[in-house]
C-alpha cells in the first residue's frame, strides 16, 4: 500500500476542526500527542495507543475508517481540552474538513466504497 501520512497537515486539520467546532484549538504539542496516540502506539493518560495506522496498513481499517477514527478522537480531545460537551459530527464533519483529513492521511480525497457509510454532505448512492 503506497500512502503518505503528513503529520504537519494533520496538525492543521486538528486546528481547523477546533475552529469548526467553535472551540479553542489544541496546542501543537497536544495535537502531536493525539496523532501519535491514535495512529501509533503512544500511551496517553495510561491508555495504550490505538495503532490505527498499523491497522490501516494491515487492511483492518478502510480509508474511510482511518479518517473517521482520527476525526472522532480529535473531536473528543478538543472538546475535553475545552471542558465542553462534544458536538454531533454534523456540526463539524463538513466536506472541506473531511477532505483535508483525507489528504493529510492519504494524500488524496477518498472515493467511498459501497460498504462505507456516507457522510451527511454526500449524495445518496440511489
Foldseek 3Di string as FASTA:
>chain_A
DDFDAALVLQLVLLCVLCVLVVAHGDPSVVSVQLCCQACHFDDDPNRTRNVLVVCVVVVVADLLRSLVSSVVSSQVVRCVVRVHDRDDCVSRVDPVSSQSSSCNGGVGGDDDDPPDDDDPPDDDPD
